[in-house]
Protein backbone atom coordinates (compact mmCIF):
# COMPACT_ATOMS: atom_id res chain seq x y z
CA MET A 1 206.93 204.56 20.05
CA THR A 2 205.85 203.12 16.72
CA ILE A 3 206.76 199.65 17.92
CA ASP A 4 204.43 200.04 20.90
CA LEU A 5 201.66 201.28 18.60
CA LEU A 6 202.24 198.35 16.26
CA ARG A 7 202.09 195.89 19.18
CA ALA A 8 198.83 197.44 20.38
CA VAL A 9 197.26 197.13 16.92
CA LEU A 10 198.40 193.52 16.55
CA SER A 11 197.07 192.54 19.99
CA ALA A 12 193.73 194.22 19.19
CA GLU A 13 193.52 192.26 15.92
CA ALA A 14 194.40 189.04 17.72
CA ALA A 15 191.60 189.65 20.25
CA THR A 16 189.15 190.32 17.42
CA ASP A 17 190.20 187.19 15.51
CA ASN A 18 189.89 185.11 18.67
CA SER A 19 186.29 186.19 19.34
CA GLY A 20 185.42 185.53 15.70
CA SER A 21 186.71 181.98 15.97
CA TRP A 22 184.58 181.40 19.07
CA ILE A 23 181.49 182.57 17.21
CA SER A 24 182.22 180.39 14.19
CA MET A 25 182.92 177.41 16.43
CA GLY A 26 179.60 177.97 18.24
CA VAL A 27 177.70 178.21 14.96
CA SER A 28 179.41 175.04 13.72
CA LEU A 29 178.41 173.22 16.89
CA VAL A 30 174.77 174.29 16.55
CA VAL A 31 174.73 173.19 12.90
CA LEU A 32 176.26 169.82 13.84
CA ILE A 33 173.65 169.23 16.55
CA ALA A 34 170.86 170.16 14.13
CA VAL A 35 172.19 167.72 11.53
CA PHE A 36 172.38 164.92 14.10
CA TYR A 37 168.82 165.65 15.22
CA PHE A 38 167.30 165.69 11.74
CA MET A 39 169.39 162.83 10.32
CA LEU A 40 169.55 160.40 13.28
CA ILE A 41 167.32 161.18 16.25
CA ARG A 42 164.10 162.31 14.56
CA PRO A 43 163.84 159.39 12.07
CA GLU A 44 164.53 156.89 14.85
CA ASN A 45 161.74 158.39 16.99
CA LYS A 46 159.36 158.18 14.02
CA ARG A 47 160.21 154.50 13.50
CA LYS A 48 159.61 153.79 17.20
CA LYS A 49 156.20 155.51 17.10
CA GLU A 50 155.19 153.61 13.95
CA ALA A 51 156.26 150.29 15.50
CA ALA A 52 154.35 151.03 18.71
CA LYS A 53 151.25 151.96 16.71
CA MET A 54 151.52 148.78 14.61
CA ARG A 55 151.89 146.63 17.74
CA SER A 56 148.90 148.27 19.44
CA GLU A 57 146.70 147.63 16.35
CA LEU A 58 147.41 143.89 16.11
CA ALA A 59 144.26 141.82 15.70
CA VAL A 60 143.27 138.17 15.44
CA GLY A 61 143.93 136.87 11.93
CA ASP A 62 146.87 139.18 11.13
CA VAL A 63 149.98 137.54 9.69
CA ILE A 64 153.07 138.73 11.58
CA THR A 65 156.83 138.23 11.57
CA THR A 66 158.77 138.21 14.85
CA ILE A 67 162.22 139.72 15.36
CA GLY A 68 163.53 136.15 15.29
CA GLY A 69 162.00 135.50 11.88
CA ILE A 70 159.06 133.32 12.92
CA VAL A 71 156.01 133.88 10.72
CA GLY A 72 152.55 133.08 11.98
CA THR A 73 148.90 134.07 12.22
CA ILE A 74 147.62 135.71 15.39
CA CYS A 75 144.99 133.61 17.16
CA ALA A 76 144.79 135.53 20.48
CA VAL A 77 145.73 139.04 21.60
CA LYS A 78 146.34 139.80 25.27
CA GLU A 79 147.46 143.03 26.93
CA GLU A 80 151.23 142.44 26.68
CA THR A 81 151.44 139.21 24.67
CA ILE A 82 150.02 137.55 21.58
CA VAL A 83 149.54 133.90 20.64
CA ILE A 84 150.34 132.86 17.08
CA GLU A 85 149.86 129.70 15.03
CA THR A 86 152.67 128.68 12.73
CA GLY A 87 152.20 126.46 9.70
CA ALA A 88 149.72 123.74 8.88
CA ASP A 89 150.54 121.71 12.01
CA ARG A 90 148.90 124.50 14.12
CA VAL A 91 151.72 124.90 16.61
CA ARG A 92 150.87 127.76 18.97
CA MET A 93 153.47 130.06 20.50
CA GLU A 94 153.13 133.05 22.81
CA PHE A 95 155.26 136.17 22.27
CA THR A 96 155.47 139.54 23.91
CA LYS A 97 154.26 142.35 21.66
CA TRP A 98 157.69 144.03 21.53
CA ALA A 99 159.00 140.91 19.74
CA ILE A 100 156.84 141.61 16.67
CA SER A 101 158.94 142.95 13.81
CA ASN A 102 156.25 143.70 11.24
CA LYS A 103 152.75 142.90 10.14
CA GLY A 104 152.58 140.66 7.08
CA ALA A 105 154.90 137.89 5.98
CA GLN A 106 158.58 138.83 5.64
CA THR A 107 159.50 139.20 1.99
CA SER A 108 162.72 140.16 0.26
CA GLU A 109 161.33 143.70 -0.31
CA ASN A 110 160.65 144.13 3.44
CA ALA A 111 164.11 142.90 4.40
CA LYS A 112 165.94 145.62 2.46
């Protein structure tokens, strides 16, 4: 009879430990998702919003750098594209706005 009582107590403890592990695993999962959100997703969304704002505020005369590394001065702004002049020889090129990396000439401080 004591063996049956001991088995019942052990099985009750096992059931309690099992539910505790589910709760701790659930809390760990929520914490992991929160860390991913605040460390990866949220900063990336902020960078995208800042880039979209910068691209919408481009004006004639701004010095820009493209994602390919071409530096030039904006001479025309259209709805989806811009036209830039590069260098003293006044070569003009047209780029889509999404190809603009940043406003201002690329320097070693900006690259880091």
